[in-house]
């Protein structure tokens, strides 16, 4: 019942296609209605022309009626296909739109929990499967039962005994169809889950191809992929075998009914209570039921998959984007621009805190360096400022307000963020730069580009700011991508600039020039620099040293060299002691 409920919740996406959703089954019902008249015309030909006194004129007249029924039925079928296709495609378009919006609204922790591959599978494979289900339902869900029960009704009108045979066979077929359907729904959900594992394996292999080759792990990945693919294949075969029972069982029931029908018909024809034409009509009606049930079997299989996929899509749509506890408080005056007060952070499913008891303050316009070993929590710390994650305890204040009360849009408008992995998007360099400020002109863009030490990148390109950027910026080197992403952040002239190890691909001279340019910016942003190099942060107003998610030192470069063992180890591992 949960799966049916999940599909019903998605029907709202047909609200703009109500007319098409009504017209598609309506035209199918018209087509089915004309089809039900065909056996009666054939019966009349046999009884009146073959066995009766009517001449060839009657046969021609009856055949013209059959042609007319066929033409009108074809027109109705084409119209139904058109309206069903429009409704199904529009349905999937709106569903994908809302699904994408929902994914964009999820917090970092929720995205981490779900996983990229799962979201891609739901956006593509699952939505496509639901679209196919909607299309088939609009075309066949009304037609097939109408033909089945219409044929049974016509059989009762011709002969009550034969109608009873129809009713009995339909009852058995309903048990078969719905039994297989109920057994298949949970199995198809498992199949989609295993498809996600194959997608995950493929994505990891493609994104990490260089690492795999560097460590000669190609064979291991091939084996892992083959294992997951084999599990998927086995699951598909198993549920496929159950679904495949539909046709043979349907044929068996229908053929048994036909044998019984012909036997009863022969007896009644011999007794003079039923005509030969009527027996042929009854046989044709049973054949129509067989054809429709084959279609219905395919519909049931597709709908079963759609129900399973609908449940999986609803898992995403029903998620409520995580929000920190609502803080209703007035802005506190005379406080530092940014304050961390006993902040603890825990990732979903993690056994221990990523950050523990972090406290420090930053004045407006200061430059703050953050350093520590791998996994010390440097990125987690700067991610708290734009509220990418919620605190487990404590509070983060920006300009005197708790980040939970500021509002994410307002807060992130204050920030210019350059993540560890430099990402450029397909389009022109200008379009990428205007992500920070849609109205920025070429002068503002070039000013930011110059400050980011990326002017030579623009000048070296034939088309300048109109140079095309390929997906992911793969037509630029690592250092060029980093400088362009820094420039993109500077275009918006942020109050808070976060550079999360974003100069790792730059040489020391370019890195030094970049830091000098940041100091000379007219709007004086508050800068957070996450780095593994002490040279990148040694001139910062304040340096925060992290170790195991805890603060082990706060101060200037000179102060930390004297008081912080962790900082000394990092610095002297990069420079000879006498050069310090």
Protein backbone atom coordinates (compact mmCIF):
# COMPACT_ATOMS: atom_id res chain seq x y z
CA UNK A 1 0.00 0.00 0.00
CA UNK A 2 2.93 2.33 0.67
CA UNK A 3 4.05 2.04 -2.97
CA UNK A 4 0.55 2.90 -4.25
CA UNK A 5 0.47 5.89 -1.89
CA UNK A 6 3.87 7.00 -3.20
CA UNK A 7 2.59 6.93 -6.78
CA UNK A 8 -0.55 8.85 -5.82
CA UNK A 9 1.58 11.60 -4.31
CA UNK A 10 3.27 12.08 -7.68
CA UNK A 11 0.00 12.45 -9.58
CA UNK A 12 0.00 16.17 -8.72
CA UNK A 13 2.53 16.60 -11.55
CA UNK A 14 -0.30 15.85 -14.00
CA UNK A 15 -2.26 18.90 -12.81
CA UNK A 16 -1.19 20.94 -15.86
CA UNK A 17 -2.07 18.05 -18.17
CA UNK A 18 -5.57 17.26 -16.97
CA UNK A 19 -7.08 17.59 -20.45
CA UNK A 20 -4.51 15.22 -22.00
CA UNK A 21 -4.90 12.81 -19.06
CA UNK A 22 -8.65 12.63 -19.73
CA UNK A 23 -8.53 12.63 -23.53
CA UNK A 24 -5.94 9.83 -23.79
CA UNK A 25 -8.00 7.14 -22.00
CA UNK A 26 -11.21 8.54 -23.52
CA UNK A 27 -9.95 7.99 -27.07
CA UNK A 28 -8.70 4.55 -26.03
CA UNK A 29 -12.17 3.71 -24.72
CA UNK A 30 -13.67 4.83 -28.03
CA UNK A 31 -11.21 2.63 -29.89
CA UNK A 32 -12.08 -0.29 -27.60
CA UNK A 33 -15.80 0.31 -28.09
CA UNK A 34 -15.47 0.12 -31.87
CA UNK A 35 -13.35 -3.03 -31.49
CA UNK A 36 -16.10 -4.76 -29.50
CA UNK A 37 -18.49 -4.38 -32.44
CA UNK A 38 -16.19 -6.29 -34.83
CA UNK A 39 -17.11 -9.85 -33.65
CA UNK A 40 -20.81 -9.00 -33.95
CA UNK A 41 -20.33 -7.93 -37.59
CA UNK A 42 -18.34 -11.11 -38.32
CA UNK A 43 -21.07 -13.16 -36.63
CA UNK A 44 -23.71 -11.47 -38.79
CA UNK A 45 -21.74 -12.25 -41.99
CA UNK A 46 -21.50 -15.95 -41.08
CA UNK A 47 -25.14 -16.31 -40.02
CA UNK A 48 -26.71 -14.17 -42.79
CA UNK A 49 -24.39 -14.55 -45.76
CA UNK A 50 -22.52 -17.85 -45.33
CA UNK A 51 -25.30 -19.87 -43.72
CA UNK A 52 -28.26 -17.62 -44.65
CA UNK A 53 -29.96 -16.19 -47.70
CA UNK A 54 -28.23 -12.80 -47.85
CA UNK A 55 -26.19 -12.22 -51.01
CA UNK A 56 -22.78 -10.76 -51.75
CA UNK A 57 -24.17 -7.24 -51.37
CA UNK A 58 -24.58 -7.93 -47.65
CA UNK A 59 -20.98 -9.13 -47.41
CA UNK A 60 -19.69 -5.96 -49.12
CA UNK A 61 -21.82 -3.80 -46.85
CA UNK A 62 -20.58 -5.62 -43.72
CA UNK A 63 -16.96 -5.39 -44.89
CA UNK A 64 -17.32 -1.63 -45.41
CA UNK A 65 -18.58 -1.40 -41.83
CA UNK A 66 -15.48 -3.34 -40.65
CA UNK A 67 -13.19 -0.98 -42.61
CA UNK A 68 -15.00 2.03 -41.13
CA UNK A 69 -14.62 0.65 -37.61
CA UNK A 70 -10.92 0.06 -38.30
CA UNK A 71 -10.28 3.57 -39.63
CA UNK A 72 -12.12 5.28 -36.78
CA UNK A 73 -10.33 3.00 -34.28
CA UNK A 74 -6.95 3.92 -35.81
CA UNK A 75 -7.70 7.66 -35.54
CA UNK A 76 -8.74 7.20 -31.92
CA UNK A 77 -5.59 5.16 -31.17
CA UNK A 78 -3.26 7.79 -32.69
CA UNK A 79 -5.02 10.57 -30.77
CA UNK A 80 -4.74 8.58 -27.54
CA UNK A 81 -1.02 7.95 -28.13
CA UNK A 82 -0.43 11.67 -28.74
CA UNK A 83 -2.23 12.87 -25.62
CA UNK A 84 -0.69 10.14 -23.43
CA UNK A 85 2.82 11.01 -24.65
CA UNK A 86 2.31 14.73 -24.00
CA UNK A 87 1.00 14.10 -20.50
CA UNK A 88 3.78 11.62 -19.61
CA UNK A 89 6.61 13.83 -20.91
CA UNK A 90 5.16 16.90 -19.18
CA UNK A 91 4.76 14.88 -15.98
CA UNK A 92 8.40 13.78 -16.01
CA UNK A 93 9.57 17.31 -16.83
CA UNK A 94 7.85 18.80 -13.78
CA UNK A 95 8.91 15.90 -11.57
CA UNK A 96 12.57 16.30 -12.57
CA UNK A 97 12.32 20.05 -11.99
CA UNK A 98 11.00 19.61 -8.43
CA UNK A 99 13.42 16.76 -7.74
CA UNK A 100 16.36 18.91 -8.84
CA UNK A 101 15.10 21.83 -6.74
CA UNK A 102 14.75 19.50 -3.76
CA UNK A 103 18.29 18.19 -4.18
CA UNK A 104 19.56 21.77 -4.37
CA UNK A 105 17.81 22.59 -1.09
CA UNK A 106 19.29 19.67 0.85
CA UNK A 107 22.00 20.34 3.37
CA UNK A 108 25.55 19.13 2.89
CA UNK A 109 25.03 16.42 5.51
CA UNK A 110 21.91 15.10 3.74
CA UNK A 111 23.70 15.07 0.38
CA UNK A 112 26.59 13.22 2.02
CA UNK A 113 24.16 10.68 3.48
CA UNK A 114 22.21 10.03 0.25
CA UNK A 115 25.22 9.98 -2.07
CA UNK A 116 25.69 11.44 -5.53
CA UNK A 117 25.10 8.18 -7.41
CA UNK A 118 21.76 7.57 -5.73
CA UNK A 119 20.56 11.05 -6.62
CA UNK A 120 21.66 10.62 -10.24
CA UNK A 121 19.85 7.26 -10.48
CA UNK A 122 16.65 8.76 -9.08
CA UNK A 123 16.87 11.73 -11.45
CA UNK A 124 17.43 9.58 -14.55
CA UNK A 125 16.51 5.88 -14.40
CA UNK A 126 13.74 6.14 -11.80
CA UNK A 127 12.02 9.15 -13.39
CA UNK A 128 12.24 7.53 -16.86
CA UNK A 129 10.62 4.39 -15.47
CA UNK A 130 7.81 6.41 -13.87
CA UNK A 131 7.30 8.29 -17.16
CA UNK A 132 6.90 4.97 -19.02
CA UNK A 133 4.41 3.82 -16.38
CA UNK A 134 2.31 6.99 -16.70
CA UNK A 135 2.31 6.69 -20.49
CA UNK A 136 1.15 3.08 -20.47
CA UNK A 137 -1.44 3.66 -17.76
CA UNK A 138 -3.06 6.49 -19.72
CA UNK A 139 -3.17 4.32 -22.83
CA UNK A 140 -4.03 0.87 -21.47
CA UNK A 141 -5.24 1.07 -17.89
CA UNK A 142 -8.78 1.91 -18.98
CA UNK A 143 -8.74 0.15 -22.36
CA UNK A 144 -7.71 -3.33 -21.25
CA UNK A 145 -10.26 -3.72 -18.42
CA UNK A 146 -12.91 -2.17 -20.68
CA UNK A 147 -12.22 -4.75 -23.40
CA UNK A 148 -12.05 -7.62 -20.87
CA UNK A 149 -15.29 -6.78 -19.06
CA UNK A 150 -16.93 -5.51 -22.25
CA UNK A 151 -16.23 -8.85 -23.93
CA UNK A 152 -17.67 -10.65 -20.90
CA UNK A 153 -20.82 -8.51 -21.06
CA UNK A 154 -21.21 -9.19 -24.80
CA UNK A 155 -20.74 -12.91 -24.08
CA UNK A 156 -23.58 -12.81 -21.52
CA UNK A 157 -25.78 -11.05 -24.10
CA UNK A 158 -25.06 -13.82 -26.61
CA UNK A 159 -25.24 -16.78 -24.21
CA UNK A 160 -25.41 -16.85 -20.40
CA UNK A 161 -23.54 -20.15 -20.06
CA UNK A 162 -20.69 -18.86 -22.21
CA UNK A 163 -20.73 -15.62 -20.21
CA UNK A 164 -20.16 -17.69 -17.06
CA UNK A 165 -17.05 -19.23 -18.66
CA UNK A 166 -15.81 -15.70 -19.39
CA UNK A 167 -16.48 -14.58 -15.81
CA UNK A 168 -14.68 -17.60 -14.30
CA UNK A 169 -11.60 -17.20 -16.51
CA UNK A 170 -11.40 -13.45 -15.76
CA UNK A 171 -11.55 -14.13 -12.00
CA UNK A 172 -8.64 -16.60 -12.25
CA UNK A 173 -6.68 -14.14 -14.40
CA UNK A 174 -7.15 -11.36 -11.84
CA UNK A 175 -5.66 -13.57 -9.13
CA UNK A 176 -2.67 -14.37 -11.38
CA UNK A 177 -2.07 -10.76 -12.46
CA UNK A 178 -2.36 -9.11 -9.06
CA UNK A 179 -0.48 -11.91 -7.30
CA UNK A 180 2.50 -11.50 -9.60
CA UNK A 181 2.28 -7.71 -9.29
CA UNK A 182 2.36 -7.75 -5.47
CA UNK A 183 5.29 -10.17 -5.48
CA UNK A 184 7.27 -8.10 -7.98
CA UNK A 185 7.07 -4.59 -6.49
CA UNK A 186 9.56 -5.08 -3.59
CA UNK A 187 11.90 -7.07 -5.85
CA UNK A 188 12.04 -4.26 -8.42
CA UNK A 189 12.98 -1.85 -5.63
CA UNK A 190 15.92 -4.11 -4.76
CA UNK A 191 16.92 -4.18 -8.42
CA UNK A 192 17.02 -0.37 -8.53
CA UNK A 193 19.12 -0.36 -5.37
CA UNK A 194 21.66 -2.67 -6.98
CA UNK A 195 21.61 -0.51 -10.10
CA UNK A 196 22.71 2.36 -7.85
CA UNK A 197 25.71 0.30 -6.73
CA UNK A 198 26.72 -0.25 -10.36
CA UNK A 199 26.30 3.48 -11.02
CA UNK A 200 28.41 4.28 -7.96
CA UNK A 201 31.16 1.91 -9.08
CA UNK A 202 31.14 3.40 -12.59
CA UNK A 203 31.25 6.97 -11.30
CA UNK A 204 34.09 6.26 -8.87
CA UNK A 205 36.09 4.54 -11.59
CA UNK A 206 35.67 7.43 -14.04
CA UNK A 207 36.41 10.20 -11.54
CA UNK A 208 39.36 8.33 -10.05
CA UNK A 209 40.82 6.87 -13.25
CA UNK A 210 44.23 8.49 -12.74
CA UNK A 211 44.51 7.29 -9.15
CA UNK A 212 43.50 3.76 -10.13
CA UNK A 213 46.15 3.62 -12.82
CA UNK A 214 48.78 5.15 -10.55
CA UNK A 215 48.23 2.33 -8.04
CA UNK A 216 47.62 -0.37 -10.69
CA UNK A 217 44.16 -1.07 -9.30
CA UNK A 218 42.39 -1.53 -12.63
CA UNK A 219 41.91 -5.28 -12.14
CA UNK A 220 40.50 -4.80 -8.63
CA UNK A 221 37.97 -2.27 -9.92
CA UNK A 222 37.03 -4.51 -12.84
CA UNK A 223 36.40 -7.38 -10.42
CA UNK A 224 34.40 -5.13 -8.10
CA UNK A 225 32.31 -3.83 -11.00
CA UNK A 226 31.75 -7.33 -12.37
CA UNK A 227 30.65 -8.53 -8.94
CA UNK A 228 28.12 -5.73 -8.57
CA UNK A 229 26.96 -6.14 -12.17
CA UNK A 230 26.50 -9.87 -11.62
CA UNK A 231 24.42 -9.19 -8.48
CA UNK A 232 22.27 -6.80 -10.49
CA UNK A 233 21.90 -9.34 -13.30
CA UNK A 234 20.87 -12.11 -10.88
CA UNK A 235 18.27 -9.86 -9.26
CA UNK A 236 16.91 -8.80 -12.64
CA UNK A 237 16.72 -12.42 -13.80
CA UNK A 238 14.95 -13.50 -10.61
CA UNK A 239 12.28 -10.82 -10.75
CA UNK A 240 12.14 -11.26 -14.53
CA UNK A 241 11.30 -14.94 -14.09
CA UNK A 242 8.45 -14.06 -11.75
CA UNK A 243 7.15 -11.44 -14.17
CA UNK A 244 7.62 -13.85 -17.08
CA UNK A 245 5.06 -16.20 -15.48
CA UNK A 246 2.41 -13.68 -16.52
CA UNK A 247 2.23 -14.66 -20.20
CA UNK A 248 2.30 -18.49 -19.91
CA UNK A 249 -0.22 -18.50 -17.08
CA UNK A 250 -2.43 -16.09 -18.98
CA UNK A 251 -2.21 -18.23 -22.16
CA UNK A 252 -2.98 -21.38 -20.18
CA UNK A 253 -6.10 -19.94 -18.57
CA UNK A 254 -7.37 -18.39 -21.82
CA UNK A 255 -6.72 -21.50 -23.92
CA UNK A 256 -8.45 -23.68 -21.33
CA UNK A 257 -11.39 -21.27 -21.44
CA UNK A 258 -11.42 -21.40 -25.28
CA UNK A 259 -11.48 -25.21 -25.26
CA UNK A 260 -14.37 -25.19 -22.81
CA UNK A 261 -16.11 -22.43 -24.80
CA UNK A 262 -15.84 -24.36 -28.09
CA UNK A 263 -17.10 -27.53 -26.41
CA UNK A 264 -20.13 -25.78 -24.90
CA UNK A 265 -20.71 -23.90 -28.18
CA UNK A 266 -20.59 -27.09 -30.24
CA UNK A 267 -23.13 -28.75 -27.98
CA UNK A 268 -25.46 -25.75 -28.18
CA UNK A 269 -25.08 -25.41 -31.95
CA UNK A 270 -25.94 -29.10 -32.28
CA UNK A 271 -28.98 -28.52 -30.07
CA UNK A 272 -30.04 -25.51 -32.13
CA UNK A 273 -29.86 -23.03 -29.22
CA UNK A 274 -26.79 -21.17 -30.55
CA UNK A 275 -25.75 -20.22 -34.08
CA UNK A 276 -22.34 -20.84 -35.64
CA UNK A 277 -21.83 -17.09 -35.98
CA UNK A 278 -22.40 -16.66 -32.26
CA UNK A 279 -19.75 -19.28 -31.47
CA UNK A 280 -17.28 -17.47 -33.73
CA UNK A 281 -18.16 -14.18 -32.01
CA UNK A 282 -17.60 -15.73 -28.59
CA UNK A 283 -14.25 -17.13 -29.78
CA UNK A 284 -13.25 -13.68 -31.09
CA UNK A 285 -14.20 -12.08 -27.79
CA UNK A 286 -12.07 -14.60 -25.91
CA UNK A 287 -9.19 -13.89 -28.31
CA UNK A 288 -9.62 -10.18 -27.66
CA UNK A 289 -9.35 -10.87 -23.93
CA UNK A 290 -6.15 -12.83 -24.56
CA UNK A 291 -4.58 -9.97 -26.53
CA UNK A 292 -5.63 -7.40 -23.95
CA UNK A 293 -4.32 -9.47 -21.07
CA UNK A 294 -0.95 -9.78 -22.81
CA UNK A 295 -0.93 -5.98 -23.04
CA UNK A 296 -2.11 -5.76 -19.45
CA UNK A 297 0.70 -8.09 -18.37
CA UNK A 298 3.28 -5.77 -19.92
CA UNK A 299 1.48 -2.83 -18.34
CA UNK A 300 1.56 -4.51 -14.93
CA UNK A 301 5.31 -5.18 -15.19
CA UNK A 302 6.01 -1.56 -16.17
CA UNK A 303 3.63 -0.19 -13.53
CA UNK A 304 5.21 -2.44 -10.91
CA UNK A 305 8.62 -0.95 -11.71
CA UNK A 306 7.07 2.52 -11.68
CA UNK A 307 5.60 2.00 -8.20
CA UNK A 308 8.99 0.88 -6.90
CA UNK A 309 10.70 3.87 -8.51
CA UNK A 310 7.99 6.25 -7.27
CA UNK A 311 8.69 5.15 -3.72
CA UNK A 312 12.40 5.84 -4.18
CA UNK A 313 11.78 9.28 -5.71
CA UNK A 314 9.41 10.15 -2.87
CA UNK A 315 12.17 9.32 -0.39
CA UNK A 316 14.01 12.36 -1.77
CA UNK A 317 10.96 14.61 -2.18
CA UNK A 318 9.75 13.83 1.37
CA UNK A 319 13.07 14.76 2.92
CA UNK A 320 12.96 17.96 4.91
CA UNK A 321 16.07 20.02 4.42
CA UNK A 322 17.95 20.11 7.68
CA UNK A 323 17.80 23.39 9.50
CA UNK A 324 19.39 24.36 12.73
CA UNK A 325 17.22 25.21 15.66
CA UNK A 326 15.41 28.47 15.00
CA UNK A 327 17.12 31.25 16.90
CA UNK A 328 14.94 34.26 17.56
CA UNK A 329 17.26 36.93 18.87
CA UNK A 330 18.11 40.52 18.20
CA UNK A 331 21.42 41.38 16.65
CA UNK A 332 24.07 41.72 19.32
CA UNK A 333 26.05 44.94 19.16
CA UNK A 334 29.70 45.54 19.96
CA UNK A 335 30.68 41.94 19.22
CA UNK A 336 33.51 40.67 16.98
CA UNK A 337 32.54 40.23 13.33
CA UNK A 338 32.76 36.42 13.55
CA UNK A 339 32.63 34.36 16.75
CA UNK A 340 32.87 30.61 17.36
CA UNK A 341 31.62 29.79 20.85
CA UNK A 342 32.31 26.23 22.06
CA UNK A 343 31.38 24.79 18.66
CA UNK A 344 31.13 21.01 18.23
CA UNK A 345 30.31 19.40 14.85
CA UNK A 346 29.42 15.80 14.06
CA UNK A 347 28.88 14.30 10.59
CA UNK A 348 25.94 11.94 10.07
CA UNK A 349 26.97 8.38 10.89
CA UNK A 350 30.36 9.43 12.26
CA UNK A 351 31.55 7.87 15.50
CA UNK A 352 33.21 11.01 16.85
CA UNK A 353 33.02 14.76 16.49
CA UNK A 354 34.76 16.39 13.53
CA UNK A 355 35.24 19.55 15.62
CA UNK A 356 35.25 19.77 19.41
CA UNK A 357 34.96 22.85 21.62
CA UNK A 358 36.17 25.39 19.03
CA UNK A 359 36.20 28.99 20.27
CA UNK A 360 37.76 32.08 18.67
CA UNK A 361 36.83 35.54 17.41
CA UNK A 362 37.68 37.45 14.23
CA UNK A 363 37.45 41.19 13.67
CA UNK A 364 36.18 42.66 10.42
CA UNK A 365 38.89 42.93 7.75
CA UNK A 366 41.27 40.52 9.47
CA UNK A 367 43.05 37.68 7.66
CA UNK A 368 42.83 34.33 9.43
CA UNK A 369 45.02 31.35 8.56
CA UNK A 370 43.86 27.82 9.36
CA UNK A 371 46.38 25.00 9.35
CA UNK A 372 46.65 21.43 10.60
CA UNK A 373 47.24 17.88 9.52
CA UNK A 374 45.05 15.92 7.12
CA UNK A 375 41.64 15.30 8.70
CA UNK A 376 42.17 17.91 11.39
CA UNK A 377 38.84 19.61 10.55
CA UNK A 378 40.06 22.68 8.62
CA UNK A 379 37.42 22.49 5.85
CA UNK A 380 34.71 21.63 8.38
CA UNK A 381 35.55 24.78 10.34
CA UNK A 382 35.23 27.17 7.38
CA UNK A 383 32.07 25.36 6.22
CA UNK A 384 30.37 26.44 9.44
CA UNK A 385 30.60 30.13 8.52
CA UNK A 386 28.24 29.97 5.47
CA UNK A 387 26.11 27.44 7.42
CA UNK A 388 26.79 24.45 5.17
CA UNK A 389 26.53 22.23 8.26
CA UNK A 390 24.75 22.67 11.57
CA UNK A 391 26.57 22.71 14.88
CA UNK A 392 26.03 19.84 17.28
CA UNK A 393 26.46 22.29 20.15
CA UNK A 394 27.71 25.82 20.66
CA UNK A 395 27.05 28.69 18.26
CA UNK A 396 28.56 30.50 15.29
CA UNK A 397 27.92 34.25 15.14
CA UNK A 398 28.40 36.38 12.03
CA UNK A 399 28.09 40.15 12.49
CA UNK A 400 26.46 39.58 15.86
CA UNK A 401 23.81 37.14 14.61
CA UNK A 402 23.59 33.37 14.99
CA UNK A 403 23.98 31.74 11.54
CA UNK A 404 20.74 29.80 12.22
CA UNK A 405 18.79 33.05 12.37
CA UNK A 406 20.46 35.04 9.57
CA UNK A 407 18.99 33.03 6.70
CA UNK A 408 21.20 31.00 4.38
CA UNK A 409 20.67 33.19 1.30
CA UNK A 410 21.60 36.40 3.10
CA UNK A 411 24.54 34.73 4.82
CA UNK A 412 25.96 33.22 1.65
CA UNK A 413 25.55 36.50 -0.21
CA UNK A 414 28.07 37.85 2.27
CA UNK A 415 30.57 35.09 1.45
CA UNK A 416 32.90 34.41 -1.43
CA UNK A 417 33.88 30.74 -1.27
CA UNK A 418 36.66 28.98 -3.16
CA UNK A 419 36.49 25.23 -2.36
CA UNK A 420 39.36 22.75 -2.30
CA UNK A 421 38.42 21.37 -5.70
CA UNK A 422 38.38 24.16 -8.27
CA UNK A 423 35.21 23.79 -10.35
CA UNK A 424 34.38 25.73 -13.50
CA UNK A 425 31.15 25.27 -15.42
CA UNK A 426 30.54 24.86 -19.12
CA UNK A 427 30.13 28.22 -20.86
CA UNK A 428 32.37 31.23 -21.35
CA UNK A 429 34.86 32.64 -18.86
CA UNK A 430 32.63 35.72 -18.56
CA UNK A 431 29.60 33.60 -17.68
CA UNK A 432 31.62 31.80 -15.00
CA UNK A 433 32.83 35.10 -13.55
CA UNK A 434 29.28 36.49 -13.42
CA UNK A 435 28.19 33.73 -11.07
CA UNK A 436 29.39 36.02 -8.31
CA UNK A 437 27.63 39.09 -9.70
CA UNK A 438 25.21 38.84 -12.63
CA UNK A 439 25.54 42.54 -13.44
CA UNK A 440 29.35 42.70 -13.31
CA UNK A 441 30.82 44.44 -16.37
CA UNK A 442 34.13 43.57 -18.04
CA UNK A 443 35.97 46.17 -15.98
CA UNK A 444 34.82 44.68 -12.67
CA UNK A 445 35.59 41.18 -13.93
CA UNK A 446 39.10 42.10 -15.08
CA UNK A 447 39.77 43.87 -11.77
CA UNK A 448 38.90 40.64 -9.90
CA UNK A 449 40.87 38.55 -12.42
CA UNK A 450 43.93 40.76 -11.92
CA UNK A 451 43.67 40.51 -8.14
CA UNK A 452 43.46 36.71 -8.48
CA UNK A 453 46.66 36.71 -10.62
CA UNK A 454 44.69 35.30 -13.55
CA UNK A 455 45.10 38.18 -16.04
CA UNK A 456 47.69 36.18 -17.99
CA UNK A 457 45.16 33.35 -18.36
CA UNK A 458 42.63 35.68 -20.01
CA UNK A 459 45.25 37.43 -22.13
CA UNK A 460 46.63 34.13 -23.41
CA UNK A 461 43.22 33.12 -24.79
CA UNK A 462 42.26 34.19 -28.30
CA UNK A 463 38.71 35.12 -27.28
CA UNK A 464 39.57 36.65 -23.92
CA UNK A 465 36.56 36.60 -21.57
CA UNK A 466 34.51 34.92 -24.33
CA UNK A 467 36.81 31.88 -24.35
CA UNK A 468 34.73 28.74 -23.93
CA UNK A 469 35.13 26.66 -20.78
CA UNK A 470 34.58 22.94 -21.16
CA UNK A 471 32.70 20.93 -18.55
CA UNK A 472 34.63 21.02 -15.28
CA UNK A 473 37.15 23.44 -16.82
CA UNK A 474 39.20 20.55 -18.20
CA UNK A 475 40.66 22.77 -20.94
CA UNK A 476 42.51 24.72 -18.21
CA UNK A 477 45.38 23.61 -16.00
CA UNK A 478 44.93 23.09 -12.26
CA UNK A 479 46.59 26.40 -11.42
CA UNK A 480 44.51 28.28 -14.00
CA UNK A 481 41.29 26.78 -12.64
CA UNK A 482 42.24 27.77 -9.10
CA UNK A 483 42.99 31.36 -10.06
CA UNK A 484 39.78 31.67 -12.08
CA UNK A 485 37.67 30.30 -9.20
CA UNK A 486 39.32 32.82 -6.86
CA UNK A 487 38.50 35.57 -9.37
CA UNK A 488 34.88 34.35 -9.52
CA UNK A 489 34.62 34.73 -5.74
CA UNK A 490 36.20 38.22 -5.85
CA UNK A 491 33.77 39.48 -8.51
CA UNK A 492 30.98 39.62 -5.93
CA UNK A 493 33.18 41.71 -3.55
CA UNK A 494 32.34 39.55 -0.54
CA UNK A 495 32.48 40.64 3.08
CA UNK A 496 33.90 37.21 3.95
CA UNK A 497 36.34 35.47 1.60
CA UNK A 498 37.03 31.79 2.26
CA UNK A 499 39.98 30.20 0.43
CA UNK A 500 39.88 26.51 1.28
CA UNK A 501 43.36 25.30 0.24
CA UNK A 502 42.61 26.96 -3.08
CA UNK A 503 46.18 27.97 -3.90
CA UNK A 504 47.75 24.50 -3.62
CA UNK A 505 48.52 24.39 -7.37
CA UNK A 506 50.13 27.84 -7.40
CA UNK A 507 53.87 28.40 -7.18
CA UNK A 508 55.24 30.32 -4.21
CA UNK A 509 55.69 33.59 -6.15
CA UNK A 510 52.11 33.58 -7.50
CA UNK A 511 50.80 32.61 -4.07
CA UNK A 512 52.67 35.54 -2.50
CA UNK A 513 51.38 37.97 -5.14
CA UNK A 514 47.85 36.70 -4.56
CA UNK A 515 48.06 37.33 -0.81
CA UNK A 516 49.47 40.79 -1.44
CA UNK A 517 46.57 41.60 -3.81
CA UNK A 518 44.04 40.42 -1.25
CA UNK A 519 45.56 42.76 1.34
CA UNK A 520 45.22 45.69 -1.09
CA UNK A 521 41.52 45.12 -1.95
CA UNK A 522 39.57 48.35 -1.41
CA UNK A 523 36.55 46.70 0.25
CA UNK A 524 38.76 44.93 2.85
CA UNK A 525 37.08 41.51 3.19
CA UNK A 526 37.58 39.26 6.18
CA UNK A 527 39.73 36.47 4.73
CA UNK A 528 40.00 32.85 5.85
CA UNK A 529 42.91 30.96 4.28
CA UNK A 530 43.06 27.19 4.72
CA UNK A 531 46.48 25.93 3.71
CA UNK A 532 49.08 23.24 4.26
CA UNK A 533 51.85 25.79 3.71
CA UNK A 534 52.95 28.01 6.56
CA UNK A 535 54.24 30.45 3.93
CA UNK A 536 50.65 31.08 2.80
CA UNK A 537 49.44 32.06 6.26
CA UNK A 538 52.52 33.35 8.12
CA UNK A 539 51.52 36.99 7.58
CA UNK A 540 47.89 36.42 8.71
CA UNK A 541 46.56 38.49 11.60
CA UNK A 542 45.59 35.29 13.36
CA UNK A 543 46.47 31.64 12.76
CA UNK A 544 44.32 28.78 14.08
CA UNK A 545 46.09 25.43 14.44
CA UNK A 546 43.87 22.33 14.47
CA UNK A 547 44.74 18.79 15.48
CA UNK A 548 42.18 16.00 15.67
CA UNK A 549 39.29 18.46 15.46
CA UNK A 550 40.53 20.55 18.39
CA UNK A 551 42.24 23.90 18.63
CA UNK A 552 45.84 23.43 19.75
CA UNK A 553 47.06 26.95 19.04
CA UNK A 554 45.84 30.43 18.14
CA UNK A 555 48.16 33.37 17.48
CA UNK A 556 50.54 34.92 15.00
CA UNK A 557 53.28 33.07 13.17
CA UNK A 558 55.95 34.14 15.64
CA UNK A 559 53.82 33.38 18.68
CA UNK A 560 52.94 29.88 17.44
CA UNK A 561 56.56 29.02 16.65
CA UNK A 562 57.27 29.58 20.32
CA UNK A 563 54.14 28.11 21.90
CA UNK A 564 52.64 25.46 19.56
CA UNK A 565 54.45 22.17 18.98
CA UNK A 566 52.12 21.11 16.13
CA UNK A 567 52.70 24.37 14.26
CA UNK A 568 56.46 24.09 14.74
CA UNK A 569 56.47 20.57 13.33
CA UNK A 570 54.52 21.65 10.25
CA UNK A 571 56.70 24.70 9.66
CA UNK A 572 60.07 23.01 10.17
CA UNK A 573 59.00 20.10 7.95
CA UNK A 574 58.74 22.66 5.13
CA UNK A 575 61.70 24.92 5.97
CA UNK A 576 65.10 24.33 7.47
CA UNK A 577 65.24 25.41 11.12
CA UNK A 578 67.77 28.17 10.46
CA UNK A 579 65.49 29.67 7.78
CA UNK A 580 62.62 30.12 10.17
